[in-house]
Amino acid sequence: PQTQNTPLMMQEKPEPEKNGETMILFTGGVHAAIDNGFGYAGLKALRDSLEEQGYATVLVDNGDALRGDDVGEASKGRAVIDLMNAVGYDLAVPGCDEFSFGIDQLTELGKIADFPYVCCNFTMDGEPALPLCAMVELDNGTSIAFIDVTAPSAIAGDVQQSAEDAWNTVQ
C-alpha cells in the first residue's frame, strides 16, 4: 500500500508550571555587536529555556546597545531595536550610545521599540523626555520597578552632576 503524506498537527506545548521565582536578565554595552558571543538568538534561547523551567523573566538593556558595530552604524540603531523587539525586551535605559545618533533618532527608535526606554534625569525644555520609571508586572504576581539615572555626560557633553544631585533626581 502507498503511504500518504499528511501535514503534522501542531501540538500546543503545555504552559510550564511556574516555580514562583523571577530571573532578571540584562545586557549592557552590546555596542550593536548583534552576533558576538551567543548574540541575540542565544539570549532568546536562554530566556525561553528559563521560562520553560518555570521562571518568570524580565529582560532589560542597561545602555550602549545601538551603536558600535557596522549593523548599528548603517541602520542608526534601527536593526538593533528590531532584534531587541524580536527577543522580547521588557525595558531599556539609555547609555551614551543611545544619544550618539542624536535626540531625534533616539525619539524615533523609542517609538518603534516594543519596550519603554526610561530615564529620570533626561529632560528637554525642562520636561522629562522619557518615562521617569517603569513597572514590570510578571505573570507570577511579582511587580518590579525600574528607574534609571543616566550619566549626565552621556546626555549633555561635559555636564557633571554630584551624587547629591543624582539622589535628588531619583527621589
C-alpha atoms as a PDB file:
ATOM      1  CA  PRO A   1       0.000   0.000   0.000  1.00  0.00           C
ATOM      2  CA  GLN A   2       1.030   3.531  -0.693  1.00  0.00           C
ATOM      3  CA  THR A   3       1.650   5.847   2.274  1.00  0.00           C
ATOM      4  CA  GLN A   4       0.115   9.282   2.100  1.00  0.00           C
ATOM      5  CA  ASN A   5       1.996  12.245   3.445  1.00  0.00           C
ATOM      6  CA  THR A   6      -0.257  14.341   5.617  1.00  0.00           C
ATOM      7  CA  PRO A   7       0.630  17.545   7.422  1.00  0.00           C
ATOM      8  CA  LEU A   8       1.579  17.008  11.022  1.00  0.00           C
ATOM      9  CA  MET A   9      -0.795  18.509  13.516  1.00  0.00           C
ATOM     10  CA  MET A  10       0.911  21.160  15.562  1.00  0.00           C
ATOM     11  CA  GLN A  11       0.540  20.342  19.214  1.00  0.00           C
ATOM     12  CA  GLU A  12       0.478  23.187  21.659  1.00  0.00           C
ATOM     13  CA  LYS A  13       3.043  22.919  24.389  1.00  0.00           C
ATOM     14  CA  PRO A  14       1.513  22.901  27.832  1.00  0.00           C
ATOM     15  CA  GLU A  15       2.144  26.066  29.818  1.00  0.00           C
ATOM     16  CA  PRO A  16       5.154  25.392  32.068  1.00  0.00           C
ATOM     17  CA  GLU A  17       4.417  25.160  35.754  1.00  0.00           C
ATOM     18  CA  LYS A  18       5.638  28.319  37.425  1.00  0.00           C
ATOM     19  CA  ASN A  19       8.137  27.851  40.234  1.00  0.00           C
ATOM     20  CA  GLY A  20       7.405  31.289  41.705  1.00  0.00           C
ATOM     21  CA  GLU A  21      10.905  32.568  41.067  1.00  0.00           C
ATOM     22  CA  THR A  22      11.927  35.540  38.964  1.00  0.00           C
ATOM     23  CA  MET A  23      15.045  35.775  36.851  1.00  0.00           C
ATOM     24  CA  ILE A  24      16.192  39.227  35.713  1.00  0.00           C
ATOM     25  CA  LEU A  25      18.351  39.063  32.602  1.00  0.00           C
ATOM     26  CA  PHE A  26      20.227  42.095  31.365  1.00  0.00           C
ATOM     27  CA  THR A  27      22.510  43.169  28.612  1.00  0.00           C
ATOM     28  CA  GLY A  28      24.835  46.125  28.653  1.00  0.00           C
ATOM     29  CA  GLY A  29      27.449  47.557  26.358  1.00  0.00           C
ATOM     30  CA  VAL A  30      26.384  45.400  23.416  1.00  0.00           C
ATOM     31  CA  HIS A  31      27.541  48.171  21.033  1.00  0.00           C
ATOM     32  CA  ALA A  32      25.449  46.736  18.167  1.00  0.00           C
ATOM     33  CA  ALA A  33      27.566  43.562  18.151  1.00  0.00           C
ATOM     34  CA  ILE A  34      24.471  41.513  17.449  1.00  0.00           C
ATOM     35  CA  ASP A  35      26.174  38.182  16.835  1.00  0.00           C
ATOM     36  CA  ASN A  36      29.197  38.333  19.156  1.00  0.00           C
ATOM     37  CA  GLY A  37      29.188  35.739  21.907  1.00  0.00           C
ATOM     38  CA  PHE A  38      25.898  33.944  21.768  1.00  0.00           C
ATOM     39  CA  GLY A  39      24.186  37.026  20.325  1.00  0.00           C
ATOM     40  CA  TYR A  40      20.522  37.918  20.487  1.00  0.00           C
ATOM     41  CA  ALA A  41      19.489  34.452  19.244  1.00  0.00           C
ATOM     42  CA  GLY A  42      21.331  32.868  22.165  1.00  0.00           C
ATOM     43  CA  LEU A  43      19.780  35.358  24.565  1.00  0.00           C
ATOM     44  CA  LYS A  44      16.304  34.487  23.287  1.00  0.00           C
ATOM     45  CA  ALA A  45      17.060  30.766  23.654  1.00  0.00           C
ATOM     46  CA  LEU A  46      18.294  31.334  27.219  1.00  0.00           C
ATOM     47  CA  ARG A  47      15.162  33.272  28.148  1.00  0.00           C
ATOM     48  CA  ASP A  48      12.901  30.646  26.560  1.00  0.00           C
ATOM     49  CA  SER A  49      14.740  27.892  28.454  1.00  0.00           C
ATOM     50  CA  LEU A  50      14.339  29.688  31.776  1.00  0.00           C
ATOM     51  CA  GLU A  51      10.639  30.209  31.139  1.00  0.00           C
ATOM     52  CA  GLU A  52      10.270  26.518  30.229  1.00  0.00           C
ATOM     53  CA  GLN A  53      11.843  25.763  33.620  1.00  0.00           C
ATOM     54  CA  GLY A  54       9.101  27.823  35.278  1.00  0.00           C
ATOM     55  CA  TYR A  55      10.872  31.111  35.892  1.00  0.00           C
ATOM     56  CA  ALA A  56       9.201  34.452  35.275  1.00  0.00           C
ATOM     57  CA  THR A  57      11.747  36.509  33.361  1.00  0.00           C
ATOM     58  CA  VAL A  58      12.457  40.179  32.829  1.00  0.00           C
ATOM     59  CA  LEU A  59      14.871  41.306  30.125  1.00  0.00           C
ATOM     60  CA  VAL A  60      16.500  44.717  30.454  1.00  0.00           C
ATOM     61  CA  ASP A  61      19.165  46.531  28.468  1.00  0.00           C
ATOM     62  CA  ASN A  62      21.245  48.918  30.559  1.00  0.00           C
ATOM     63  CA  GLY A  63      22.519  51.035  27.696  1.00  0.00           C
ATOM     64  CA  ASP A  64      25.055  51.318  24.926  1.00  0.00           C
ATOM     65  CA  ALA A  65      23.242  48.878  22.643  1.00  0.00           C
ATOM     66  CA  LEU A  66      22.615  50.855  19.471  1.00  0.00           C
ATOM     67  CA  ARG A  67      25.976  51.974  18.152  1.00  0.00           C
ATOM     68  CA  GLY A  68      29.343  50.375  17.572  1.00  0.00           C
ATOM     69  CA  ASP A  69      29.299  47.521  15.072  1.00  0.00           C
ATOM     70  CA  ASP A  70      28.500  48.003  11.374  1.00  0.00           C
ATOM     71  CA  VAL A  71      24.827  46.995  11.599  1.00  0.00           C
ATOM     72  CA  GLY A  72      24.175  49.632  14.253  1.00  0.00           C
ATOM     73  CA  GLU A  73      26.004  52.318  12.329  1.00  0.00           C
ATOM     74  CA  ALA A  74      24.371  51.542   8.984  1.00  0.00           C
ATOM     75  CA  SER A  75      20.844  51.435  10.419  1.00  0.00           C
ATOM     76  CA  LYS A  76      21.354  54.204  13.013  1.00  0.00           C
ATOM     77  CA  GLY A  77      20.264  51.735  15.672  1.00  0.00           C
ATOM     78  CA  ARG A  78      17.082  50.539  13.935  1.00  0.00           C
ATOM     79  CA  ALA A  79      18.342  46.988  13.274  1.00  0.00           C
ATOM     80  CA  VAL A  80      19.277  46.606  16.944  1.00  0.00           C
ATOM     81  CA  ILE A  81      15.832  47.788  18.083  1.00  0.00           C
ATOM     82  CA  ASP A  82      14.224  45.312  15.665  1.00  0.00           C
ATOM     83  CA  LEU A  83      16.270  42.483  17.215  1.00  0.00           C
ATOM     84  CA  MET A  84      15.509  43.657  20.743  1.00  0.00           C
ATOM     85  CA  ASN A  85      11.801  43.611  19.842  1.00  0.00           C
ATOM     86  CA  ALA A  86      12.139  40.067  18.463  1.00  0.00           C
ATOM     87  CA  VAL A  87      13.878  38.867  21.620  1.00  0.00           C
ATOM     88  CA  GLY A  88      11.178  40.466  23.776  1.00  0.00           C
ATOM     89  CA  TYR A  89      12.951  43.071  25.880  1.00  0.00           C
ATOM     90  CA  ASP A  90      10.810  44.463  28.669  1.00  0.00           C
ATOM     91  CA  LEU A  91      12.737  47.688  29.253  1.00  0.00           C
ATOM     92  CA  ALA A  92      15.840  49.635  28.309  1.00  0.00           C
ATOM     93  CA  VAL A  93      17.752  52.585  29.676  1.00  0.00           C
ATOM     94  CA  PRO A  94      19.893  54.921  27.591  1.00  0.00           C
ATOM     95  CA  GLY A  95      23.664  54.948  27.694  1.00  0.00           C
ATOM     96  CA  CYS A  96      25.851  57.337  25.738  1.00  0.00           C
ATOM     97  CA  ASP A  97      25.462  55.285  22.525  1.00  0.00           C
ATOM     98  CA  GLU A  98      21.702  55.808  22.547  1.00  0.00           C
ATOM     99  CA  PHE A  99      22.366  59.546  22.210  1.00  0.00           C
ATOM    100  CA  SER A 100      25.102  59.180  19.550  1.00  0.00           C
ATOM    101  CA  PHE A 101      22.737  59.441  16.589  1.00  0.00           C
ATOM    102  CA  GLY A 102      21.021  62.490  18.080  1.00  0.00           C
ATOM    103  CA  ILE A 103      17.939  63.099  20.187  1.00  0.00           C
ATOM    104  CA  ASP A 104      15.602  62.943  17.175  1.00  0.00           C
ATOM    105  CA  GLN A 105      16.844  59.462  16.215  1.00  0.00           C
ATOM    106  CA  LEU A 106      16.560  58.242  19.817  1.00  0.00           C
ATOM    107  CA  THR A 107      12.984  59.549  19.877  1.00  0.00           C
ATOM    108  CA  GLU A 108      12.174  57.717  16.614  1.00  0.00           C
ATOM    109  CA  LEU A 109      13.753  54.490  17.847  1.00  0.00           C
ATOM    110  CA  GLY A 110      11.769  54.786  21.068  1.00  0.00           C
ATOM    111  CA  LYS A 111       8.565  54.895  19.006  1.00  0.00           C
ATOM    112  CA  ILE A 112       9.343  51.597  17.240  1.00  0.00           C
ATOM    113  CA  ALA A 113      10.597  49.813  20.350  1.00  0.00           C
ATOM    114  CA  ASP A 114       8.069  47.391  21.876  1.00  0.00           C
ATOM    115  CA  PHE A 115       9.510  48.282  25.270  1.00  0.00           C
ATOM    116  CA  PRO A 116       9.975  51.594  27.064  1.00  0.00           C
ATOM    117  CA  TYR A 117      13.214  53.479  27.479  1.00  0.00           C
ATOM    118  CA  VAL A 118      13.240  55.048  30.948  1.00  0.00           C
ATOM    119  CA  CYS A 119      15.452  57.751  32.423  1.00  0.00           C
ATOM    120  CA  CYS A 120      14.665  60.116  35.280  1.00  0.00           C
ATOM    121  CA  ASN A 121      17.293  62.760  34.508  1.00  0.00           C
ATOM    122  CA  PHE A 122      16.937  63.245  30.738  1.00  0.00           C
ATOM    123  CA  THR A 123      14.897  66.365  30.095  1.00  0.00           C
ATOM    124  CA  MET A 124      14.087  68.538  27.105  1.00  0.00           C
ATOM    125  CA  ASP A 125      12.846  72.075  27.644  1.00  0.00           C
ATOM    126  CA  GLY A 126      12.662  71.353  31.373  1.00  0.00           C
ATOM    127  CA  GLU A 127      10.317  68.366  30.961  1.00  0.00           C
ATOM    128  CA  PRO A 128      11.094  64.646  31.189  1.00  0.00           C
ATOM    129  CA  ALA A 129      11.984  63.360  27.728  1.00  0.00           C
ATOM    130  CA  LEU A 130      11.417  59.698  28.632  1.00  0.00           C
ATOM    131  CA  PRO A 131       9.283  57.981  31.233  1.00  0.00           C
ATOM    132  CA  LEU A 132      10.919  58.501  34.622  1.00  0.00           C
ATOM    133  CA  CYS A 133      10.497  54.859  35.613  1.00  0.00           C
ATOM    134  CA  ALA A 134       8.577  51.731  34.650  1.00  0.00           C
ATOM    135  CA  MET A 135       6.813  48.960  36.498  1.00  0.00           C
ATOM    136  CA  VAL A 136       7.068  45.466  35.032  1.00  0.00           C
ATOM    137  CA  GLU A 137       4.247  43.159  36.086  1.00  0.00           C
ATOM    138  CA  LEU A 138       5.075  39.458  35.849  1.00  0.00           C
ATOM    139  CA  ASP A 139       2.654  36.598  35.438  1.00  0.00           C
ATOM    140  CA  ASN A 140       3.798  35.127  38.777  1.00  0.00           C
ATOM    141  CA  GLY A 141       2.344  38.143  40.601  1.00  0.00           C
ATOM    142  CA  THR A 142       5.658  39.938  41.066  1.00  0.00           C
ATOM    143  CA  SER A 143       5.956  43.640  40.255  1.00  0.00           C
ATOM    144  CA  ILE A 144       9.370  45.188  39.727  1.00  0.00           C
ATOM    145  CA  ALA A 145      10.018  48.919  39.421  1.00  0.00           C
ATOM    146  CA  PHE A 146      12.905  50.154  37.306  1.00  0.00           C
ATOM    147  CA  ILE A 147      14.424  53.626  37.415  1.00  0.00           C
ATOM    148  CA  ASP A 148      17.487  54.940  35.603  1.00  0.00           C
ATOM    149  CA  VAL A 149      19.873  57.802  36.144  1.00  0.00           C
ATOM    150  CA  THR A 150      21.977  58.175  33.019  1.00  0.00           C
ATOM    151  CA  ALA A 151      25.393  59.788  33.352  1.00  0.00           C
ATOM    152  CA  PRO A 152      24.859  63.480  32.605  1.00  0.00           C
ATOM    153  CA  SER A 153      27.974  63.468  30.413  1.00  0.00           C
ATOM    154  CA  ALA A 154      26.238  60.932  28.156  1.00  0.00           C
ATOM    155  CA  ILE A 155      23.294  63.273  27.694  1.00  0.00           C
ATOM    156  CA  ALA A 156      24.838  66.722  27.576  1.00  0.00           C
ATOM    157  CA  GLY A 157      28.560  66.514  26.936  1.00  0.00           C
ATOM    158  CA  ASP A 158      30.701  67.633  29.862  1.00  0.00           C
ATOM    159  CA  VAL A 159      27.950  68.395  32.379  1.00  0.00           C
ATOM    160  CA  GLN A 160      28.792  66.975  35.787  1.00  0.00           C
ATOM    161  CA  GLN A 161      26.214  66.043  38.400  1.00  0.00           C
ATOM    162  CA  SER A 162      27.065  65.494  42.045  1.00  0.00           C
ATOM    163  CA  ALA A 163      25.996  62.382  43.917  1.00  0.00           C
ATOM    164  CA  GLU A 164      23.557  64.574  45.867  1.00  0.00           C
ATOM    165  CA  ASP A 165      22.037  65.916  42.618  1.00  0.00           C
ATOM    166  CA  ALA A 166      21.603  62.363  41.337  1.00  0.00           C
ATOM    167  CA  TRP A 167      19.998  61.291  44.634  1.00  0.00           C
ATOM    168  CA  ASN A 168      17.582  64.229  44.500  1.00  0.00           C
ATOM    169  CA  THR A 169      16.693  63.393  40.896  1.00  0.00           C
ATOM    170  CA  VAL A 170      15.842  59.821  41.830  1.00  0.00           C
ATOM    171  CA  GLN A 171      13.684  60.989  44.721  1.00  0.00           C
END
